[in-house]
Amino acid sequence: MNTQAKPSSPAVSSRMSRQARRDTKPEVAVRKLLHASGYRYRLNVRVPDMPRRTVDITFSRAKVAVFLDGCFWHGCPEHATQPKSNAEWWREKLDRNMARDLETTEHMTALGWTVLRFWEHEAPEAVAARVAATISRSGPDDARRREGEDR
């Protein structure tokens, strides 16, 4: 592994460091739809026993973990691109990201969680519908609060 490689320029380094890690547009869109449907969740919850890893949207009682993965950073088969500058360093970095995603999914599943992964380009309505369907199969209104209930 070529760990000595550096970003191809200070401008690239600066641009990449500003990429949102949480509260991305796709994430916020899905959360708004879920919240409007009465679902309550936790955000950016740490993955148990795995430092520096978090779940984007967590339904603790139902044990459902939702990840909204960026096409570039997580290797979307439809939209991922391969940088031409510093190509070897980027390929290794993106491969590590995908391996980490798989390891996280396997770890959470072994702990009894249902893990849902979506790409950033997927329609928020379709993502929210699939999340809601999964939660409703997990138990009766586990992640829902009706208006007027104690919080």
N, C-alpha and C. Protein backbone atom coordinates (compact mmCIF):
# COMPACT_ATOMS: atom_id res chain seq x y z
N MET A 1 0.83 -1.16 0.00
CA MET A 1 0.00 0.00 0.00
C MET A 1 0.89 1.24 0.00
N ASN A 2 0.55 2.20 -0.81
CA ASN A 2 1.35 3.41 -0.95
C ASN A 2 0.84 4.48 0.01
N THR A 3 1.27 4.42 1.26
CA THR A 3 0.79 5.36 2.27
C THR A 3 1.55 6.68 2.22
N GLN A 4 2.62 6.76 1.44
CA GLN A 4 3.40 7.98 1.36
C GLN A 4 2.84 8.98 0.34
N ALA A 5 1.93 8.55 -0.50
CA ALA A 5 1.40 9.44 -1.53
C ALA A 5 0.63 10.59 -0.89
N LYS A 6 0.69 11.72 -1.55
CA LYS A 6 0.01 12.91 -1.06
C LYS A 6 -1.03 13.34 -2.10
N PRO A 7 -2.01 14.13 -1.67
CA PRO A 7 -2.95 14.66 -2.65
C PRO A 7 -2.19 15.37 -3.77
N SER A 8 -2.77 15.39 -4.94
CA SER A 8 -2.04 15.89 -6.11
C SER A 8 -1.75 17.38 -6.06
N SER A 9 -2.50 18.14 -5.27
CA SER A 9 -2.23 19.57 -5.14
C SER A 9 -2.88 20.10 -3.87
N PRO A 10 -2.42 21.24 -3.39
CA PRO A 10 -3.07 21.85 -2.21
C PRO A 10 -4.55 22.17 -2.48
N ALA A 11 -4.88 22.54 -3.70
CA ALA A 11 -6.27 22.86 -4.04
C ALA A 11 -7.16 21.62 -3.91
N VAL A 12 -6.66 20.47 -4.38
CA VAL A 12 -7.42 19.22 -4.27
C VAL A 12 -7.58 18.85 -2.81
N SER A 13 -6.50 18.96 -2.05
CA SER A 13 -6.56 18.64 -0.63
C SER A 13 -7.59 19.51 0.08
N SER A 14 -7.59 20.78 -0.20
CA SER A 14 -8.52 21.71 0.42
C SER A 14 -9.97 21.38 0.04
N ARG A 15 -10.20 21.12 -1.24
CA ARG A 15 -11.56 20.80 -1.71
C ARG A 15 -12.07 19.51 -1.07
N MET A 16 -11.25 18.49 -1.00
CA MET A 16 -11.67 17.21 -0.43
C MET A 16 -11.92 17.32 1.07
N SER A 17 -11.15 18.15 1.76
CA SER A 17 -11.34 18.28 3.21
C SER A 17 -12.64 19.00 3.54
N ARG A 18 -13.20 19.73 2.58
CA ARG A 18 -14.46 20.44 2.81
C ARG A 18 -15.69 19.61 2.48
N GLN A 19 -15.50 18.40 1.99
CA GLN A 19 -16.64 17.54 1.67
C GLN A 19 -17.43 17.23 2.94
N ALA A 20 -18.75 17.35 2.86
CA ALA A 20 -19.61 17.09 4.01
C ALA A 20 -19.52 15.62 4.41
N ARG A 21 -19.41 15.38 5.70
CA ARG A 21 -19.40 14.00 6.20
C ARG A 21 -20.74 13.64 6.80
N ARG A 22 -21.47 14.65 7.23
CA ARG A 22 -22.80 14.43 7.78
C ARG A 22 -23.69 15.57 7.32
N ASP A 23 -24.98 15.35 7.44
CA ASP A 23 -25.97 16.33 7.00
C ASP A 23 -25.85 16.67 5.52
N THR A 24 -25.57 15.67 4.71
CA THR A 24 -25.52 15.87 3.27
C THR A 24 -26.95 16.09 2.75
N LYS A 25 -27.09 16.63 1.56
CA LYS A 25 -28.43 16.88 1.00
C LYS A 25 -29.28 15.60 0.94
N PRO A 26 -28.73 14.47 0.45
CA PRO A 26 -29.55 13.26 0.43
C PRO A 26 -29.98 12.81 1.83
N GLU A 27 -29.07 12.92 2.79
CA GLU A 27 -29.38 12.54 4.17
C GLU A 27 -30.50 13.39 4.74
N VAL A 28 -30.38 14.69 4.58
CA VAL A 28 -31.39 15.61 5.12
C VAL A 28 -32.74 15.37 4.45
N ALA A 29 -32.75 15.13 3.16
CA ALA A 29 -34.01 14.88 2.45
C ALA A 29 -34.71 13.63 2.99
N VAL A 30 -33.96 12.57 3.20
CA VAL A 30 -34.54 11.33 3.74
C VAL A 30 -35.02 11.55 5.17
N ARG A 31 -34.22 12.22 5.97
CA ARG A 31 -34.62 12.47 7.37
C ARG A 31 -35.90 13.29 7.44
N LYS A 32 -36.04 14.29 6.60
CA LYS A 32 -37.26 15.11 6.61
C LYS A 32 -38.49 14.26 6.29
N LEU A 33 -38.36 13.38 5.32
CA LEU A 33 -39.49 12.51 4.95
C LEU A 33 -39.83 11.55 6.10
N LEU A 34 -38.83 10.98 6.71
CA LEU A 34 -39.07 10.06 7.83
C LEU A 34 -39.71 10.79 9.01
N HIS A 35 -39.19 11.96 9.33
CA HIS A 35 -39.71 12.73 10.45
C HIS A 35 -41.16 13.14 10.18
N ALA A 36 -41.45 13.59 8.96
CA ALA A 36 -42.81 13.99 8.61
C ALA A 36 -43.78 12.82 8.70
N SER A 37 -43.28 11.61 8.54
CA SER A 37 -44.12 10.41 8.65
C SER A 37 -44.23 9.92 10.09
N GLY A 38 -43.63 10.63 11.02
CA GLY A 38 -43.75 10.29 12.43
C GLY A 38 -42.63 9.44 12.99
N TYR A 39 -41.60 9.17 12.20
CA TYR A 39 -40.48 8.36 12.69
C TYR A 39 -39.49 9.22 13.44
N ARG A 40 -38.96 8.68 14.52
CA ARG A 40 -37.95 9.37 15.32
C ARG A 40 -36.70 8.50 15.34
N TYR A 41 -35.57 9.14 15.28
CA TYR A 41 -34.32 8.44 15.09
C TYR A 41 -33.20 9.22 15.74
N ARG A 42 -32.04 8.60 15.78
CA ARG A 42 -30.82 9.25 16.26
C ARG A 42 -29.87 9.40 15.08
N LEU A 43 -29.04 10.43 15.16
CA LEU A 43 -28.11 10.71 14.06
C LEU A 43 -26.67 10.48 14.47
N ASN A 44 -25.89 10.00 13.51
CA ASN A 44 -24.44 9.86 13.66
C ASN A 44 -24.05 9.12 14.93
N VAL A 45 -24.69 7.99 15.16
CA VAL A 45 -24.43 7.16 16.33
C VAL A 45 -23.18 6.31 16.05
N ARG A 46 -22.33 6.21 17.03
CA ARG A 46 -21.11 5.40 16.86
C ARG A 46 -21.46 3.92 16.71
N VAL A 47 -20.71 3.26 15.85
CA VAL A 47 -20.86 1.82 15.67
C VAL A 47 -20.20 1.15 16.88
N PRO A 48 -20.94 0.27 17.57
CA PRO A 48 -20.37 -0.38 18.76
C PRO A 48 -19.06 -1.12 18.45
N ASP A 49 -18.07 -0.91 19.29
CA ASP A 49 -16.77 -1.60 19.20
C ASP A 49 -15.98 -1.31 17.93
N MET A 50 -16.35 -0.23 17.22
CA MET A 50 -15.61 0.13 16.01
C MET A 50 -15.33 1.64 16.06
N PRO A 51 -14.13 2.01 16.50
CA PRO A 51 -13.82 3.43 16.62
C PRO A 51 -13.89 4.15 15.27
N ARG A 52 -14.27 5.41 15.34
CA ARG A 52 -14.30 6.31 14.18
C ARG A 52 -15.29 5.89 13.11
N ARG A 53 -16.31 5.15 13.49
CA ARG A 53 -17.34 4.78 12.52
C ARG A 53 -18.70 5.15 13.10
N THR A 54 -19.53 5.76 12.28
CA THR A 54 -20.85 6.15 12.75
C THR A 54 -21.92 5.72 11.74
N VAL A 55 -23.13 5.58 12.26
CA VAL A 55 -24.30 5.25 11.44
C VAL A 55 -25.00 6.57 11.16
N ASP A 56 -25.40 6.80 9.91
CA ASP A 56 -26.04 8.06 9.54
C ASP A 56 -27.37 8.25 10.27
N ILE A 57 -28.25 7.26 10.19
CA ILE A 57 -29.57 7.34 10.82
C ILE A 57 -29.79 6.02 11.56
N THR A 58 -30.12 6.11 12.84
CA THR A 58 -30.26 4.91 13.68
C THR A 58 -31.64 4.86 14.32
N PHE A 59 -32.26 3.70 14.22
CA PHE A 59 -33.51 3.41 14.91
C PHE A 59 -33.16 2.35 15.95
N SER A 60 -32.83 2.81 17.17
CA SER A 60 -32.26 1.94 18.19
C SER A 60 -33.18 0.80 18.60
N ARG A 61 -34.45 1.11 18.90
CA ARG A 61 -35.36 0.06 19.36
C ARG A 61 -35.59 -1.00 18.30
N ALA A 62 -35.72 -0.57 17.07
CA ALA A 62 -35.95 -1.52 15.97
C ALA A 62 -34.65 -2.16 15.51
N LYS A 63 -33.50 -1.62 15.99
CA LYS A 63 -32.18 -2.10 15.58
C LYS A 63 -32.01 -2.06 14.06
N VAL A 64 -32.29 -0.87 13.51
CA VAL A 64 -32.12 -0.63 12.08
C VAL A 64 -31.11 0.50 11.92
N ALA A 65 -30.06 0.23 11.14
CA ALA A 65 -29.01 1.21 10.86
C ALA A 65 -29.07 1.58 9.39
N VAL A 66 -29.11 2.88 9.10
CA VAL A 66 -29.24 3.37 7.73
C VAL A 66 -27.98 4.16 7.37
N PHE A 67 -27.37 3.78 6.26
CA PHE A 67 -26.21 4.48 5.73
C PHE A 67 -26.58 5.04 4.36
N LEU A 68 -26.26 6.31 4.14
CA LEU A 68 -26.45 6.94 2.82
C LEU A 68 -25.06 7.23 2.28
N ASP A 69 -24.61 6.39 1.36
CA ASP A 69 -23.23 6.44 0.89
C ASP A 69 -23.08 7.31 -0.35
N GLY A 70 -22.01 8.10 -0.36
CA GLY A 70 -21.68 8.92 -1.52
C GLY A 70 -21.12 8.05 -2.63
N CYS A 71 -21.52 8.36 -3.85
CA CYS A 71 -21.12 7.54 -5.00
C CYS A 71 -19.60 7.50 -5.18
N PHE A 72 -18.94 8.64 -5.07
CA PHE A 72 -17.49 8.67 -5.26
C PHE A 72 -16.77 7.94 -4.13
N TRP A 73 -17.07 8.29 -2.90
CA TRP A 73 -16.32 7.80 -1.75
C TRP A 73 -16.55 6.33 -1.46
N HIS A 74 -17.68 5.79 -1.86
CA HIS A 74 -18.02 4.41 -1.49
C HIS A 74 -18.10 3.46 -2.69
N GLY A 75 -17.77 3.94 -3.88
CA GLY A 75 -17.63 3.06 -5.04
C GLY A 75 -18.93 2.62 -5.70
N CYS A 76 -19.84 3.55 -5.90
CA CYS A 76 -21.10 3.22 -6.58
C CYS A 76 -20.80 2.60 -7.95
N PRO A 77 -21.43 1.45 -8.24
CA PRO A 77 -21.17 0.81 -9.53
C PRO A 77 -21.67 1.62 -10.72
N GLU A 78 -22.61 2.54 -10.49
CA GLU A 78 -23.14 3.36 -11.58
C GLU A 78 -22.38 4.67 -11.78
N HIS A 79 -21.99 5.31 -10.67
CA HIS A 79 -21.50 6.68 -10.77
C HIS A 79 -20.08 6.92 -10.27
N ALA A 80 -19.43 5.94 -9.71
CA ALA A 80 -18.08 6.16 -9.19
C ALA A 80 -17.14 6.54 -10.32
N THR A 81 -16.24 7.44 -10.02
CA THR A 81 -15.23 7.84 -11.00
C THR A 81 -13.86 7.46 -10.48
N GLN A 82 -12.92 7.34 -11.38
CA GLN A 82 -11.55 7.00 -11.02
C GLN A 82 -10.67 8.21 -11.29
N PRO A 83 -10.15 8.86 -10.24
CA PRO A 83 -9.29 10.02 -10.46
C PRO A 83 -8.06 9.64 -11.30
N LYS A 84 -7.67 10.54 -12.17
CA LYS A 84 -6.51 10.28 -13.03
C LYS A 84 -5.22 10.72 -12.34
N SER A 85 -5.28 11.81 -11.59
CA SER A 85 -4.10 12.26 -10.85
C SER A 85 -3.97 11.41 -9.60
N ASN A 86 -2.75 10.97 -9.34
CA ASN A 86 -2.49 10.21 -8.12
C ASN A 86 -3.37 8.95 -8.07
N ALA A 87 -3.56 8.33 -9.21
CA ALA A 87 -4.54 7.25 -9.37
C ALA A 87 -4.33 6.08 -8.41
N GLU A 88 -3.10 5.67 -8.20
CA GLU A 88 -2.85 4.51 -7.32
C GLU A 88 -3.27 4.83 -5.89
N TRP A 89 -2.90 6.01 -5.40
CA TRP A 89 -3.27 6.41 -4.03
C TRP A 89 -4.78 6.43 -3.88
N TRP A 90 -5.49 7.02 -4.84
CA TRP A 90 -6.95 7.10 -4.77
C TRP A 90 -7.58 5.72 -4.84
N ARG A 91 -7.08 4.87 -5.72
CA ARG A 91 -7.66 3.53 -5.84
C ARG A 91 -7.56 2.79 -4.51
N GLU A 92 -6.38 2.86 -3.86
CA GLU A 92 -6.20 2.21 -2.57
C GLU A 92 -7.11 2.80 -1.51
N LYS A 93 -7.24 4.13 -1.50
CA LYS A 93 -8.10 4.79 -0.52
C LYS A 93 -9.56 4.37 -0.70
N LEU A 94 -10.04 4.40 -1.92
CA LEU A 94 -11.44 4.06 -2.18
C LEU A 94 -11.70 2.58 -1.93
N ASP A 95 -10.73 1.73 -2.24
CA ASP A 95 -10.86 0.30 -1.93
C ASP A 95 -10.95 0.08 -0.41
N ARG A 96 -10.16 0.83 0.35
CA ARG A 96 -10.24 0.73 1.82
C ARG A 96 -11.61 1.18 2.33
N ASN A 97 -12.15 2.23 1.73
CA ASN A 97 -13.48 2.69 2.12
C ASN A 97 -14.52 1.59 1.91
N MET A 98 -14.47 0.94 0.75
CA MET A 98 -15.44 -0.11 0.45
C MET A 98 -15.26 -1.31 1.38
N ALA A 99 -14.01 -1.66 1.68
CA ALA A 99 -13.75 -2.77 2.61
C ALA A 99 -14.27 -2.42 4.01
N ARG A 100 -14.08 -1.17 4.42
CA ARG A 100 -14.56 -0.71 5.73
C ARG A 100 -16.09 -0.76 5.78
N ASP A 101 -16.75 -0.38 4.69
CA ASP A 101 -18.22 -0.45 4.62
C ASP A 101 -18.69 -1.89 4.83
N LEU A 102 -18.06 -2.81 4.14
CA LEU A 102 -18.43 -4.22 4.25
C LEU A 102 -18.19 -4.73 5.67
N GLU A 103 -17.04 -4.38 6.24
CA GLU A 103 -16.71 -4.81 7.60
C GLU A 103 -17.73 -4.25 8.60
N THR A 104 -18.13 -3.00 8.43
CA THR A 104 -19.10 -2.37 9.32
C THR A 104 -20.46 -3.05 9.20
N THR A 105 -20.89 -3.31 7.98
CA THR A 105 -22.17 -3.99 7.76
C THR A 105 -22.16 -5.37 8.41
N GLU A 106 -21.10 -6.13 8.20
CA GLU A 106 -21.01 -7.48 8.78
C GLU A 106 -21.00 -7.41 10.31
N HIS A 107 -20.30 -6.44 10.88
CA HIS A 107 -20.23 -6.28 12.33
C HIS A 107 -21.61 -5.95 12.90
N MET A 108 -22.28 -5.00 12.30
CA MET A 108 -23.61 -4.60 12.79
C MET A 108 -24.61 -5.76 12.65
N THR A 109 -24.54 -6.47 11.56
CA THR A 109 -25.43 -7.61 11.34
C THR A 109 -25.18 -8.69 12.39
N ALA A 110 -23.93 -8.94 12.70
CA ALA A 110 -23.60 -9.94 13.72
C ALA A 110 -24.13 -9.54 15.10
N LEU A 111 -24.30 -8.23 15.32
CA LEU A 111 -24.85 -7.75 16.58
C LEU A 111 -26.38 -7.74 16.58
N GLY A 112 -26.98 -8.22 15.49
CA GLY A 112 -28.43 -8.31 15.43
C GLY A 112 -29.12 -7.12 14.79
N TRP A 113 -28.37 -6.25 14.16
CA TRP A 113 -28.95 -5.08 13.50
C TRP A 113 -29.32 -5.40 12.06
N THR A 114 -30.33 -4.72 11.57
CA THR A 114 -30.64 -4.71 10.14
C THR A 114 -29.92 -3.50 9.57
N VAL A 115 -29.09 -3.73 8.58
CA VAL A 115 -28.31 -2.64 7.98
C VAL A 115 -28.86 -2.35 6.60
N LEU A 116 -29.22 -1.09 6.38
CA LEU A 116 -29.70 -0.65 5.07
C LEU A 116 -28.69 0.35 4.51
N ARG A 117 -28.24 0.10 3.29
CA ARG A 117 -27.30 1.01 2.63
C ARG A 117 -27.94 1.51 1.34
N PHE A 118 -27.82 2.81 1.15
CA PHE A 118 -28.37 3.45 -0.04
C PHE A 118 -27.31 4.34 -0.66
N TRP A 119 -27.44 4.57 -1.97
CA TRP A 119 -26.53 5.49 -2.67
C TRP A 119 -27.13 6.88 -2.64
N GLU A 120 -26.26 7.88 -2.68
CA GLU A 120 -26.71 9.26 -2.63
C GLU A 120 -27.64 9.63 -3.79
N HIS A 121 -27.56 8.92 -4.91
CA HIS A 121 -28.39 9.26 -6.06
C HIS A 121 -29.79 8.66 -6.00
N GLU A 122 -30.06 7.79 -5.03
CA GLU A 122 -31.38 7.17 -4.94
C GLU A 122 -32.41 8.20 -4.49
N ALA A 123 -33.61 8.08 -5.01
CA ALA A 123 -34.68 9.02 -4.69
C ALA A 123 -34.99 8.97 -3.19
N PRO A 124 -34.99 10.11 -2.53
CA PRO A 124 -35.27 10.13 -1.08
C PRO A 124 -36.61 9.47 -0.73
N GLU A 125 -37.61 9.62 -1.56
CA GLU A 125 -38.92 9.02 -1.28
C GLU A 125 -38.82 7.50 -1.27
N ALA A 126 -38.06 6.94 -2.19
CA ALA A 126 -37.89 5.49 -2.25
C ALA A 126 -37.08 4.99 -1.05
N VAL A 127 -36.05 5.74 -0.67
CA VAL A 127 -35.24 5.36 0.49
C VAL A 127 -36.08 5.39 1.76
N ALA A 128 -36.82 6.48 1.96
CA ALA A 128 -37.66 6.62 3.16
C ALA A 128 -38.71 5.52 3.21
N ALA A 129 -39.29 5.17 2.07
CA ALA A 129 -40.31 4.12 2.03
C ALA A 129 -39.71 2.77 2.43
N ARG A 130 -38.52 2.48 1.94
CA ARG A 130 -37.88 1.21 2.27
C ARG A 130 -37.48 1.15 3.74
N VAL A 131 -37.00 2.27 4.27
CA VAL A 131 -36.66 2.33 5.69
C VAL A 131 -37.92 2.10 6.53
N ALA A 132 -39.00 2.80 6.18
CA ALA A 132 -40.26 2.67 6.93
C ALA A 132 -40.77 1.24 6.88
N ALA A 133 -40.70 0.61 5.72
CA ALA A 133 -41.16 -0.77 5.59
C ALA A 133 -40.32 -1.71 6.47
N THR A 134 -39.02 -1.48 6.51
CA THR A 134 -38.14 -2.32 7.34
C THR A 134 -38.45 -2.13 8.81
N ILE A 135 -38.66 -0.91 9.22
CA ILE A 135 -38.97 -0.64 10.63
C ILE A 135 -40.31 -1.26 11.01
N SER A 136 -41.28 -1.15 10.14
CA SER A 136 -42.61 -1.70 10.48
C SER A 136 -42.55 -3.22 10.61
N ARG A 137 -41.61 -3.87 9.93
CA ARG A 137 -41.43 -5.32 10.08
C ARG A 137 -40.68 -5.65 11.36
N SER A 138 -39.96 -4.65 11.91
CA SER A 138 -39.13 -4.89 13.11
C SER A 138 -39.93 -4.91 14.39
N GLY A 139 -41.12 -4.34 14.38
CA GLY A 139 -41.91 -4.33 15.60
C GLY A 139 -42.98 -3.26 15.53
N PRO A 140 -43.94 -3.31 16.40
CA PRO A 140 -45.06 -2.38 16.34
C PRO A 140 -44.67 -0.97 16.78
N ASP A 141 -44.62 -0.08 15.81
CA ASP A 141 -44.38 1.34 16.08
C ASP A 141 -43.15 1.62 16.94
N ASP A 142 -42.14 0.78 16.84
CA ASP A 142 -40.94 0.99 17.66
C ASP A 142 -40.30 2.35 17.43
N ALA A 143 -40.26 2.80 16.20
CA ALA A 143 -39.55 4.04 15.91
C ALA A 143 -40.50 5.20 15.70
N ARG A 144 -41.77 5.00 15.98
CA ARG A 144 -42.76 6.03 15.74
C ARG A 144 -43.30 6.59 17.04
N ARG A 145 -43.57 7.85 17.03
CA ARG A 145 -44.28 8.48 18.14
C ARG A 145 -45.48 9.18 17.54
N ARG A 146 -46.60 9.00 18.11
CA ARG A 146 -47.80 9.68 17.64
C ARG A 146 -47.86 11.07 18.29
N GLU A 147 -48.52 11.97 17.62
CA GLU A 147 -48.69 13.30 18.18
C GLU A 147 -49.33 13.20 19.55
N GLY A 148 -48.82 13.99 20.47
CA GLY A 148 -49.40 14.03 21.80
C GLY A 148 -48.80 13.06 22.79
N GLU A 149 -48.00 12.10 22.33
CA GLU A 149 -47.38 11.16 23.27
C GLU A 149 -46.25 11.86 24.02
N ASP A 150 -45.93 11.37 25.18
CA ASP A 150 -44.80 11.89 25.93
C ASP A 150 -43.52 11.67 25.14
N ARG A 151 -42.63 12.59 25.25
CA ARG A 151 -41.37 12.47 24.51
C ARG A 151 -40.32 12.01 25.42
